[in-house]
């Protein structure tokens, strides 16, 4: 036979009932027996109770409080101003008169003609330990389908990912796998291994040194620069 007993939180005032749970009528599981460490059945019951309370949905049912769930990533990241494109300036821009300015502190990139800004876009620069170098540079290479030679994934013979997020500088390929570099679309190299390319923008510096761009902005910049186009990276 089973009956419903009111559940009381020992830390709340006496008599406060939070939920009703169905328990078997068993004197061995009485509060007095639960305090007896020699009772094997009491210990099992206590362990089962802890397991139930550790489960979020069960805990919410017992205490009638909503479970605090983690917010989606897009709500936790810093919000950046969206890209701004000025068609009037972009229409007069060519590979020969454009230049690029990257601001690390503002996490923005500006594609410019003289003092006029044709594209003003958010970026994600290098994180701590992999900071994007500052200074005056120039575009050294353009590759619309570039892949990283250091960061990527180990894949099997059918190119299925076995291990993602690896670095050839510290990771070894498992037996039977090969390395495939992470895609870096619309890549414009401007300082040895550092360049601009499509990437995730979490709202803060997060790359291994490159300047990540929004997917809709990277091809526009790619089309308006050439090898030799000046790139200024400011702190």
Protein backbone atom coordinates (compact mmCIF):
# COMPACT_ATOMS: atom_id res chain seq x y z
CA UNK A 1 0.00 0.00 0.00
CA UNK A 2 1.23 3.53 -0.81
CA UNK A 3 0.12 6.83 0.62
CA UNK A 4 1.02 10.44 -0.13
CA UNK A 5 3.04 12.20 2.50
CA UNK A 6 3.64 15.97 2.52
CA UNK A 7 7.27 16.90 1.95
CA UNK A 8 8.70 19.49 4.28
CA UNK A 9 11.98 21.33 3.76
CA UNK A 10 13.95 21.10 7.07
CA UNK A 11 15.40 24.59 6.45
CA UNK A 12 11.97 26.25 6.12
CA UNK A 13 9.45 27.12 8.82
CA UNK A 14 7.59 24.25 10.39
CA UNK A 15 4.49 23.17 8.59
CA UNK A 16 5.43 24.56 5.15
CA UNK A 17 4.51 21.94 2.56
CA UNK A 18 6.22 22.21 -0.82
CA UNK A 19 4.96 19.15 -2.65
CA UNK A 20 3.35 15.80 -2.17
CA UNK A 21 5.35 12.73 -3.04
CA UNK A 22 4.27 9.12 -3.06
CA UNK A 23 6.21 6.91 -0.67
CA UNK A 24 5.65 3.35 0.60
CA UNK A 25 4.44 2.99 4.18
CA UNK A 26 7.52 1.54 5.80
CA UNK A 27 8.54 2.22 9.42
CA UNK A 28 12.17 1.46 8.55
CA UNK A 29 12.23 4.63 6.42
CA UNK A 30 10.97 6.83 9.22
CA UNK A 31 12.96 9.98 10.12
CA UNK A 32 14.25 8.26 13.25
CA UNK A 33 15.59 5.31 11.28
CA UNK A 34 17.20 7.60 8.71
CA UNK A 35 19.33 9.04 11.50
CA UNK A 36 20.61 5.60 12.34
CA UNK A 37 23.88 5.02 10.40
CA UNK A 38 23.68 1.31 11.09
CA UNK A 39 20.52 0.90 9.09
CA UNK A 40 21.45 -0.34 5.63
CA UNK A 41 18.02 0.39 4.24
CA UNK A 42 18.18 3.91 5.61
CA UNK A 43 21.46 4.56 3.83
CA UNK A 44 20.07 3.26 0.55
CA UNK A 45 16.99 5.46 0.94
CA UNK A 46 19.15 8.49 1.69
CA UNK A 47 21.28 7.83 -1.40
CA UNK A 48 18.19 7.52 -3.58
CA UNK A 49 16.79 10.75 -2.17
CA UNK A 50 20.02 12.60 -2.96
CA UNK A 51 19.97 11.24 -6.51
CA UNK A 52 16.41 12.47 -7.00
CA UNK A 53 17.15 15.92 -5.59
CA UNK A 54 20.21 16.30 -7.78
CA UNK A 55 18.03 16.04 -10.88
CA UNK A 56 16.89 19.50 -11.94
CA UNK A 57 13.34 18.64 -13.02
CA UNK A 58 12.65 16.53 -9.93
CA UNK A 59 14.02 19.26 -7.73
CA UNK A 60 11.75 21.81 -9.36
CA UNK A 61 8.76 19.51 -8.81
CA UNK A 62 9.57 19.01 -5.15
CA UNK A 63 10.30 22.63 -4.25
CA UNK A 64 7.96 24.22 -6.79
CA UNK A 65 10.68 26.60 -7.97
CA UNK A 66 11.70 26.95 -11.66
CA UNK A 67 14.99 25.37 -12.62
CA UNK A 68 17.63 27.97 -13.45
CA UNK A 69 18.78 27.02 -16.93
CA UNK A 70 21.80 28.39 -18.75
CA UNK A 71 21.00 31.08 -21.27
CA UNK A 72 21.70 30.39 -24.95
CA UNK A 73 25.15 31.43 -26.10
CA UNK A 74 23.76 34.23 -28.25
CA UNK A 75 22.33 35.83 -25.11
CA UNK A 76 25.55 35.56 -23.14
CA UNK A 77 27.94 37.01 -25.68
CA UNK A 78 28.64 40.68 -25.93
CA UNK A 79 26.47 42.42 -28.48
CA UNK A 80 28.41 44.20 -31.23
CA UNK A 81 27.10 46.86 -33.51
CA UNK A 82 26.24 45.28 -36.88
CA UNK A 83 28.25 46.05 -40.02
CA UNK A 84 27.65 49.37 -41.72
CA UNK A 85 28.14 49.66 -45.47
CA UNK A 86 28.16 53.02 -47.24
CA UNK A 87 27.31 52.30 -50.90
CA UNK A 88 28.38 55.78 -52.06
CA UNK A 89 31.92 55.20 -50.80
CA UNK A 90 32.00 51.55 -51.81
CA UNK A 91 31.05 52.43 -55.38
CA UNK A 92 34.11 54.67 -55.75
CA UNK A 93 36.42 52.14 -54.11
CA UNK A 94 38.86 50.02 -56.12
CA UNK A 95 41.75 47.72 -55.34
CA UNK A 96 44.08 50.62 -56.06
CA UNK A 97 42.66 53.25 -53.70
CA UNK A 98 41.44 51.20 -50.72
CA UNK A 99 43.12 50.62 -47.39
CA UNK A 100 42.20 48.68 -44.24
CA UNK A 101 42.26 49.84 -40.63
CA UNK A 102 41.76 47.34 -37.78
CA UNK A 103 41.02 48.59 -34.26
CA UNK A 104 41.78 46.00 -31.57
CA UNK A 105 40.30 48.06 -28.73
CA UNK A 106 37.04 48.67 -30.59
CA UNK A 107 36.96 45.23 -32.24
CA UNK A 108 36.17 46.83 -35.61
CA UNK A 109 37.58 46.82 -39.12
CA UNK A 110 37.27 49.76 -41.50
CA UNK A 111 37.66 49.51 -45.28
CA UNK A 112 38.38 53.02 -46.44
CA UNK A 113 39.06 55.35 -49.34
CA UNK A 114 41.10 58.24 -48.04
CA UNK A 115 39.28 59.40 -44.89
CA UNK A 116 35.91 57.96 -45.90
CA UNK A 117 34.69 54.63 -44.55
CA UNK A 118 33.06 52.25 -46.99
CA UNK A 119 32.68 49.32 -44.56
CA UNK A 120 32.60 49.46 -40.77
CA UNK A 121 32.31 45.95 -39.35
CA UNK A 122 32.73 44.05 -36.08
CA UNK A 123 35.61 41.59 -35.80
CA UNK A 124 37.16 39.13 -33.39
CA UNK A 125 40.91 39.51 -33.04
CA UNK A 126 43.49 37.35 -31.27
CA UNK A 127 42.82 36.20 -27.72
CA UNK A 128 45.26 36.45 -24.80
CA UNK A 129 48.46 34.64 -25.70
CA UNK A 130 47.65 34.86 -29.42
CA UNK A 131 47.18 38.61 -29.77
CA UNK A 132 46.88 40.07 -33.25
CA UNK A 133 50.12 42.01 -33.87
CA UNK A 134 49.73 45.75 -34.22
CA UNK A 135 51.55 47.91 -36.75
CA UNK A 136 51.57 48.75 -40.43
CA UNK A 137 51.32 45.87 -42.89
CA UNK A 138 50.13 45.08 -46.41
CA UNK A 139 48.08 42.29 -47.96
CA UNK A 140 50.54 39.52 -48.90
CA UNK A 141 48.22 36.84 -50.27
CA UNK A 142 44.57 36.31 -51.21
CA UNK A 143 42.89 32.88 -51.10
CA UNK A 144 39.09 32.55 -51.17
CA UNK A 145 39.16 28.91 -49.97
CA UNK A 146 42.09 28.94 -47.60
CA UNK A 147 42.47 26.39 -44.80
CA UNK A 148 44.55 26.60 -41.66
CA UNK A 149 47.80 24.67 -41.68
CA UNK A 150 47.86 24.45 -37.86
CA UNK A 151 44.30 24.34 -36.48
CA UNK A 152 41.57 21.96 -37.57
CA UNK A 153 40.43 18.38 -37.02
CA UNK A 154 41.64 14.81 -37.29
CA UNK A 155 39.41 12.88 -39.69
CA UNK A 156 39.05 9.27 -40.82
CA UNK A 157 39.40 7.94 -44.37
CA UNK A 158 35.91 9.23 -45.22
CA UNK A 159 36.73 12.69 -43.85
CA UNK A 160 34.47 12.21 -40.86
CA UNK A 161 35.69 14.15 -37.86
CA UNK A 162 37.28 11.97 -35.20
CA UNK A 163 38.69 14.75 -33.09
CA UNK A 164 37.92 18.43 -33.58
CA UNK A 165 39.60 21.59 -32.31
CA UNK A 166 43.15 20.27 -32.59
CA UNK A 167 46.46 22.03 -33.05
CA UNK A 168 49.31 20.36 -34.90
CA UNK A 169 51.66 22.19 -32.56
CA UNK A 170 50.52 20.15 -29.55
CA UNK A 171 48.26 17.30 -30.74
CA UNK A 172 49.12 13.99 -32.40
CA UNK A 173 46.85 12.34 -34.94
CA UNK A 174 45.19 9.11 -33.75
CA UNK A 175 46.01 6.02 -35.77
CA UNK A 176 44.16 5.92 -39.09
CA UNK A 177 43.32 9.62 -39.16
CA UNK A 178 44.59 12.62 -41.09
CA UNK A 179 44.53 16.36 -40.51
CA UNK A 180 42.10 18.73 -42.24
CA UNK A 181 42.63 22.41 -41.59
CA UNK A 182 39.84 24.67 -40.40
CA UNK A 183 38.24 26.68 -43.23
CA UNK A 184 39.31 30.33 -43.46
CA UNK A 185 37.16 31.63 -46.31
CA UNK A 186 38.05 34.85 -48.15
CA UNK A 187 41.49 34.85 -46.54
CA UNK A 188 43.66 37.96 -46.89
CA UNK A 189 47.07 37.39 -45.34
CA UNK A 190 48.83 40.51 -44.11
CA UNK A 191 51.47 39.35 -41.59
CA UNK A 192 53.03 35.90 -42.07
CA UNK A 193 50.37 33.50 -40.68
CA UNK A 194 47.96 36.27 -39.73
CA UNK A 195 45.12 37.39 -41.97
CA UNK A 196 41.46 38.37 -42.28
CA UNK A 197 38.85 35.68 -42.95
CA UNK A 198 35.33 34.48 -42.15
CA UNK A 199 34.96 33.34 -38.56
CA UNK A 200 32.86 33.27 -35.41
CA UNK A 201 32.44 36.63 -33.68
CA UNK A 202 31.60 36.06 -29.99
CA UNK A 203 31.93 39.74 -29.12
CA UNK A 204 35.48 39.63 -27.76
CA UNK A 205 39.00 38.64 -28.96
CA UNK A 206 38.83 34.87 -29.49
CA UNK A 207 41.01 33.90 -32.47
CA UNK A 208 44.54 32.52 -32.62
CA UNK A 209 45.74 35.83 -34.05
CA UNK A 210 43.73 36.31 -37.22
CA UNK A 211 41.03 38.92 -37.71
CA UNK A 212 37.69 37.14 -37.97
CA UNK A 213 35.05 38.77 -40.16
CA UNK A 214 31.28 38.29 -40.63
CA UNK A 215 30.42 35.95 -43.51
CA UNK A 216 28.65 38.70 -45.45
CA UNK A 217 31.47 41.23 -45.05
CA UNK A 218 34.56 39.12 -45.78
CA UNK A 219 33.87 38.74 -49.54
CA UNK A 220 33.23 42.49 -49.88
CA UNK A 221 36.60 43.32 -48.36
CA UNK A 222 38.24 40.55 -50.40
CA UNK A 223 36.95 42.09 -53.63
CA UNK A 224 38.20 45.58 -52.78
CA UNK A 225 41.80 44.78 -51.81
CA UNK A 226 44.79 43.38 -53.63
CA UNK A 227 48.26 42.15 -52.77
CA UNK A 228 49.97 45.29 -51.54
CA UNK A 229 46.87 47.01 -50.08
CA UNK A 230 47.87 48.77 -46.81
CA UNK A 231 46.59 47.25 -43.55
CA UNK A 232 46.92 49.26 -40.35
CA UNK A 233 46.33 47.42 -37.08
CA UNK A 234 45.84 49.80 -34.16
CA UNK A 235 45.86 48.80 -30.48
